[in-house]
Amino acid sequence: MGMANLQRMAQQMQHEMQRIQTELESTNVDGSAGGGVVTATVTGKQELISVTIDPAAVDPSDVEMLQDLIVAAVNDALRSSRELAEQKMAAVTGGLQLPGF
C-alpha cells in the first residue's frame, strides 16, 4: 500500500469521525432510575440537557433517596451515551481505541 493510499485513507477516516461527532452532538440518549420515576437526557457528547422527576418520587422526608435516583439516572444516561459513541467510532476505527473520542 502506497503512501498516497494511506494518506487518503487517513483523511477519509478523519472526515468520517468528524461526521460522527457532529451526529452525536444532535443525538439524545435517556437514562432512568427507580423504575422510570427519574429520567435524565444527555447528548451523544455526554452533556446533560434535562432531568425529569415524577412528582410521586418527591418525599420531603427522604430527599436523600431522590438525590440518589437523580445521580443513578444521570449516570445511566451518560453510560448509554458513551456506549453509543464507542459503537459509532468502532465502525470507523475498526475497534481501535483512539484517545479523545
N, C-alpha and C. Protein backbone atom coordinates (compact mmCIF):
# COMPACT_ATOMS: atom_id res chain seq x y z
N MET A 1 0.86 -1.18 0.00
CA MET A 1 0.00 0.00 0.00
C MET A 1 0.90 1.23 0.00
N GLY A 2 0.65 2.12 -0.94
CA GLY A 2 1.48 3.30 -1.08
C GLY A 2 1.14 4.38 -0.06
N MET A 3 2.05 5.32 0.06
CA MET A 3 1.88 6.43 0.99
C MET A 3 0.65 7.25 0.63
N ALA A 4 0.39 7.43 -0.65
CA ALA A 4 -0.77 8.21 -1.08
C ALA A 4 -2.07 7.54 -0.64
N ASN A 5 -2.11 6.21 -0.73
CA ASN A 5 -3.30 5.47 -0.29
C ASN A 5 -3.49 5.59 1.21
N LEU A 6 -2.41 5.49 1.97
CA LEU A 6 -2.51 5.64 3.42
C LEU A 6 -3.01 7.03 3.80
N GLN A 7 -2.50 8.04 3.12
CA GLN A 7 -2.91 9.40 3.41
C GLN A 7 -4.39 9.59 3.06
N ARG A 8 -4.83 9.05 1.95
CA ARG A 8 -6.22 9.14 1.54
C ARG A 8 -7.12 8.44 2.54
N MET A 9 -6.70 7.26 2.99
CA MET A 9 -7.49 6.52 3.97
C MET A 9 -7.57 7.27 5.30
N ALA A 10 -6.47 7.89 5.72
CA ALA A 10 -6.46 8.67 6.96
C ALA A 10 -7.39 9.87 6.85
N GLN A 11 -7.41 10.52 5.70
CA GLN A 11 -8.30 11.66 5.50
C GLN A 11 -9.76 11.22 5.52
N GLN A 12 -10.06 10.08 4.91
CA GLN A 12 -11.42 9.56 4.92
C GLN A 12 -11.85 9.23 6.34
N MET A 13 -10.95 8.61 7.12
CA MET A 13 -11.26 8.26 8.50
C MET A 13 -11.50 9.53 9.31
N GLN A 14 -10.69 10.53 9.13
CA GLN A 14 -10.85 11.78 9.86
C GLN A 14 -12.18 12.44 9.50
N HIS A 15 -12.53 12.44 8.23
CA HIS A 15 -13.80 13.03 7.79
C HIS A 15 -14.98 12.26 8.40
N GLU A 16 -14.90 10.95 8.40
CA GLU A 16 -15.97 10.13 8.96
C GLU A 16 -16.08 10.34 10.48
N MET A 17 -14.98 10.47 11.17
CA MET A 17 -15.00 10.72 12.61
C MET A 17 -15.63 12.07 12.91
N GLN A 18 -15.33 13.08 12.11
CA GLN A 18 -15.94 14.39 12.31
C GLN A 18 -17.44 14.32 12.06
N ARG A 19 -17.87 13.55 11.06
CA ARG A 19 -19.28 13.39 10.78
C ARG A 19 -19.99 12.73 11.96
N ILE A 20 -19.37 11.71 12.52
CA ILE A 20 -19.96 11.01 13.66
C ILE A 20 -20.03 11.93 14.87
N GLN A 21 -19.00 12.71 15.12
CA GLN A 21 -19.03 13.63 16.26
C GLN A 21 -20.16 14.65 16.10
N THR A 22 -20.37 15.14 14.90
CA THR A 22 -21.47 16.07 14.66
C THR A 22 -22.80 15.38 14.88
N GLU A 23 -22.91 14.15 14.43
CA GLU A 23 -24.14 13.37 14.64
C GLU A 23 -24.40 13.14 16.12
N LEU A 24 -23.35 12.84 16.88
CA LEU A 24 -23.50 12.60 18.31
C LEU A 24 -23.97 13.86 19.04
N GLU A 25 -23.52 15.02 18.59
CA GLU A 25 -23.94 16.27 19.23
C GLU A 25 -25.45 16.46 19.16
N SER A 26 -26.06 15.94 18.11
CA SER A 26 -27.50 16.14 17.94
C SER A 26 -28.32 14.92 18.35
N THR A 27 -27.66 13.92 18.91
CA THR A 27 -28.35 12.71 19.36
C THR A 27 -28.59 12.78 20.86
N ASN A 28 -29.81 12.47 21.29
CA ASN A 28 -30.14 12.45 22.71
C ASN A 28 -30.30 11.01 23.18
N VAL A 29 -29.81 10.75 24.40
CA VAL A 29 -29.88 9.43 25.00
C VAL A 29 -30.49 9.58 26.38
N ASP A 30 -31.43 8.69 26.72
CA ASP A 30 -32.10 8.74 28.02
C ASP A 30 -31.55 7.68 28.95
N GLY A 31 -31.60 7.99 30.23
CA GLY A 31 -31.28 7.04 31.29
C GLY A 31 -32.35 7.19 32.36
N SER A 32 -32.54 6.15 33.15
CA SER A 32 -33.58 6.25 34.17
C SER A 32 -33.17 5.50 35.43
N ALA A 33 -33.91 5.77 36.49
CA ALA A 33 -33.69 5.09 37.77
C ALA A 33 -35.03 5.01 38.49
N GLY A 34 -35.10 4.07 39.42
CA GLY A 34 -36.32 3.92 40.21
C GLY A 34 -37.51 3.50 39.39
N GLY A 35 -37.26 2.66 38.40
CA GLY A 35 -38.37 2.21 37.55
C GLY A 35 -38.93 3.31 36.67
N GLY A 36 -38.14 4.30 36.39
CA GLY A 36 -38.55 5.38 35.50
C GLY A 36 -39.08 6.61 36.21
N VAL A 37 -39.04 6.65 37.54
CA VAL A 37 -39.53 7.85 38.23
C VAL A 37 -38.58 9.03 38.05
N VAL A 38 -37.33 8.76 37.76
CA VAL A 38 -36.37 9.81 37.43
C VAL A 38 -35.74 9.45 36.09
N THR A 39 -35.78 10.38 35.15
CA THR A 39 -35.13 10.16 33.87
C THR A 39 -34.18 11.33 33.60
N ALA A 40 -33.10 11.02 32.91
CA ALA A 40 -32.13 12.04 32.53
C ALA A 40 -31.87 11.90 31.04
N THR A 41 -31.67 13.02 30.39
CA THR A 41 -31.37 13.02 28.97
C THR A 41 -30.04 13.72 28.76
N VAL A 42 -29.15 13.06 28.02
CA VAL A 42 -27.86 13.63 27.68
C VAL A 42 -27.68 13.56 26.17
N THR A 43 -26.77 14.38 25.67
CA THR A 43 -26.43 14.32 24.25
C THR A 43 -25.41 13.21 24.04
N GLY A 44 -25.17 12.90 22.80
CA GLY A 44 -24.14 11.92 22.47
C GLY A 44 -22.75 12.41 22.83
N LYS A 45 -22.63 13.68 23.18
CA LYS A 45 -21.36 14.24 23.62
C LYS A 45 -21.28 14.31 25.14
N GLN A 46 -22.16 13.58 25.83
CA GLN A 46 -22.21 13.46 27.29
C GLN A 46 -22.50 14.79 27.99
N GLU A 47 -23.40 15.58 27.43
CA GLU A 47 -23.82 16.81 28.08
C GLU A 47 -25.26 16.61 28.57
N LEU A 48 -25.47 16.83 29.86
CA LEU A 48 -26.79 16.69 30.45
C LEU A 48 -27.68 17.82 29.95
N ILE A 49 -28.87 17.47 29.41
CA ILE A 49 -29.76 18.52 28.91
C ILE A 49 -31.08 18.57 29.67
N SER A 50 -31.48 17.47 30.34
CA SER A 50 -32.71 17.54 31.13
C SER A 50 -32.77 16.42 32.16
N VAL A 51 -33.52 16.71 33.23
CA VAL A 51 -33.84 15.72 34.26
C VAL A 51 -35.34 15.84 34.51
N THR A 52 -36.03 14.71 34.49
CA THR A 52 -37.47 14.69 34.75
C THR A 52 -37.72 13.84 35.99
N ILE A 53 -38.51 14.38 36.91
CA ILE A 53 -38.80 13.68 38.17
C ILE A 53 -40.30 13.53 38.30
N ASP A 54 -40.75 12.30 38.46
CA ASP A 54 -42.16 12.03 38.71
C ASP A 54 -42.50 12.61 40.09
N PRO A 55 -43.55 13.42 40.20
CA PRO A 55 -43.91 14.01 41.49
C PRO A 55 -44.08 12.97 42.60
N ALA A 56 -44.43 11.74 42.24
CA ALA A 56 -44.58 10.70 43.26
C ALA A 56 -43.25 10.36 43.93
N ALA A 57 -42.14 10.71 43.28
CA ALA A 57 -40.83 10.41 43.84
C ALA A 57 -40.37 11.46 44.85
N VAL A 58 -41.11 12.55 44.94
CA VAL A 58 -40.72 13.64 45.82
C VAL A 58 -41.31 13.40 47.21
N ASP A 59 -40.45 13.00 48.12
CA ASP A 59 -40.84 12.77 49.52
C ASP A 59 -39.95 13.66 50.38
N PRO A 60 -40.50 14.75 50.92
CA PRO A 60 -39.68 15.68 51.69
C PRO A 60 -38.93 15.02 52.85
N SER A 61 -39.43 13.90 53.33
CA SER A 61 -38.74 13.24 54.44
C SER A 61 -37.62 12.32 53.97
N ASP A 62 -37.48 12.15 52.63
CA ASP A 62 -36.44 11.26 52.10
C ASP A 62 -35.78 11.89 50.87
N VAL A 63 -35.25 13.07 51.04
CA VAL A 63 -34.58 13.78 49.96
C VAL A 63 -33.37 13.00 49.47
N GLU A 64 -32.71 12.32 50.36
CA GLU A 64 -31.51 11.56 50.01
C GLU A 64 -31.81 10.51 48.94
N MET A 65 -32.95 9.83 49.05
CA MET A 65 -33.31 8.83 48.04
C MET A 65 -33.48 9.49 46.68
N LEU A 66 -34.15 10.64 46.63
CA LEU A 66 -34.34 11.34 45.37
C LEU A 66 -33.00 11.75 44.78
N GLN A 67 -32.10 12.23 45.60
CA GLN A 67 -30.77 12.61 45.12
C GLN A 67 -30.05 11.39 44.53
N ASP A 68 -30.16 10.26 45.19
CA ASP A 68 -29.53 9.03 44.68
C ASP A 68 -30.14 8.62 43.34
N LEU A 69 -31.46 8.75 43.22
CA LEU A 69 -32.13 8.40 41.97
C LEU A 69 -31.67 9.31 40.83
N ILE A 70 -31.50 10.58 41.13
CA ILE A 70 -31.04 11.53 40.10
C ILE A 70 -29.63 11.16 39.64
N VAL A 71 -28.76 10.91 40.59
CA VAL A 71 -27.38 10.53 40.24
C VAL A 71 -27.39 9.25 39.40
N ALA A 72 -28.19 8.26 39.81
CA ALA A 72 -28.25 6.99 39.08
C ALA A 72 -28.79 7.19 37.67
N ALA A 73 -29.81 8.02 37.51
CA ALA A 73 -30.38 8.26 36.18
C ALA A 73 -29.38 8.97 35.27
N VAL A 74 -28.68 9.97 35.82
CA VAL A 74 -27.68 10.69 35.02
C VAL A 74 -26.55 9.75 34.62
N ASN A 75 -26.07 8.96 35.56
CA ASN A 75 -25.00 8.00 35.24
C ASN A 75 -25.45 6.99 34.20
N ASP A 76 -26.70 6.53 34.28
CA ASP A 76 -27.23 5.59 33.30
C ASP A 76 -27.25 6.23 31.90
N ALA A 77 -27.70 7.47 31.82
CA ALA A 77 -27.75 8.16 30.54
C ALA A 77 -26.33 8.39 29.99
N LEU A 78 -25.40 8.79 30.86
CA LEU A 78 -24.02 9.00 30.41
C LEU A 78 -23.38 7.71 29.92
N ARG A 79 -23.63 6.62 30.62
CA ARG A 79 -23.10 5.32 30.22
C ARG A 79 -23.65 4.94 28.84
N SER A 80 -24.95 5.13 28.64
CA SER A 80 -25.56 4.81 27.34
C SER A 80 -24.99 5.69 26.23
N SER A 81 -24.74 6.96 26.55
CA SER A 81 -24.18 7.88 25.57
C SER A 81 -22.76 7.47 25.19
N ARG A 82 -21.96 7.10 26.18
CA ARG A 82 -20.58 6.64 25.88
C ARG A 82 -20.60 5.38 25.03
N GLU A 83 -21.50 4.46 25.35
CA GLU A 83 -21.60 3.22 24.57
C GLU A 83 -21.99 3.51 23.13
N LEU A 84 -22.93 4.44 22.94
CA LEU A 84 -23.33 4.83 21.59
C LEU A 84 -22.15 5.41 20.82
N ALA A 85 -21.41 6.30 21.46
CA ALA A 85 -20.25 6.92 20.81
C ALA A 85 -19.20 5.86 20.47
N GLU A 86 -18.95 4.93 21.39
CA GLU A 86 -17.97 3.88 21.13
C GLU A 86 -18.39 3.00 19.96
N GLN A 87 -19.68 2.67 19.88
CA GLN A 87 -20.17 1.84 18.78
C GLN A 87 -19.99 2.55 17.44
N LYS A 88 -20.35 3.83 17.42
CA LYS A 88 -20.23 4.57 16.16
C LYS A 88 -18.78 4.75 15.75
N MET A 89 -17.90 5.02 16.70
CA MET A 89 -16.49 5.20 16.38
C MET A 89 -15.84 3.87 15.99
N ALA A 90 -16.27 2.78 16.60
CA ALA A 90 -15.69 1.48 16.27
C ALA A 90 -15.93 1.13 14.80
N ALA A 91 -17.04 1.60 14.25
CA ALA A 91 -17.32 1.35 12.84
C ALA A 91 -16.29 2.03 11.95
N VAL A 92 -15.73 3.14 12.41
CA VAL A 92 -14.74 3.88 11.62
C VAL A 92 -13.33 3.39 11.92
N THR A 93 -13.05 3.15 13.20
CA THR A 93 -11.68 2.84 13.60
C THR A 93 -11.38 1.35 13.60
N GLY A 94 -12.39 0.54 13.34
CA GLY A 94 -12.19 -0.90 13.36
C GLY A 94 -11.92 -1.42 14.76
N GLY A 95 -12.48 -0.73 15.76
CA GLY A 95 -12.29 -1.15 17.15
C GLY A 95 -11.07 -0.58 17.81
N LEU A 96 -10.25 0.15 17.08
CA LEU A 96 -9.06 0.78 17.61
C LEU A 96 -9.47 1.90 18.55
N GLN A 97 -9.00 1.88 19.79
CA GLN A 97 -9.35 2.90 20.78
C GLN A 97 -8.48 4.12 20.57
N LEU A 98 -9.11 5.24 20.18
CA LEU A 98 -8.37 6.48 19.96
C LEU A 98 -8.65 7.43 21.11
N PRO A 99 -7.63 8.02 21.70
CA PRO A 99 -7.85 8.94 22.82
C PRO A 99 -8.66 10.16 22.39
N GLY A 100 -9.58 10.58 23.26
CA GLY A 100 -10.36 11.77 22.98
C GLY A 100 -11.62 11.53 22.19
N PHE A 101 -11.91 10.28 21.84
CA PHE A 101 -13.10 10.00 21.05
C PHE A 101 -13.96 8.99 21.76
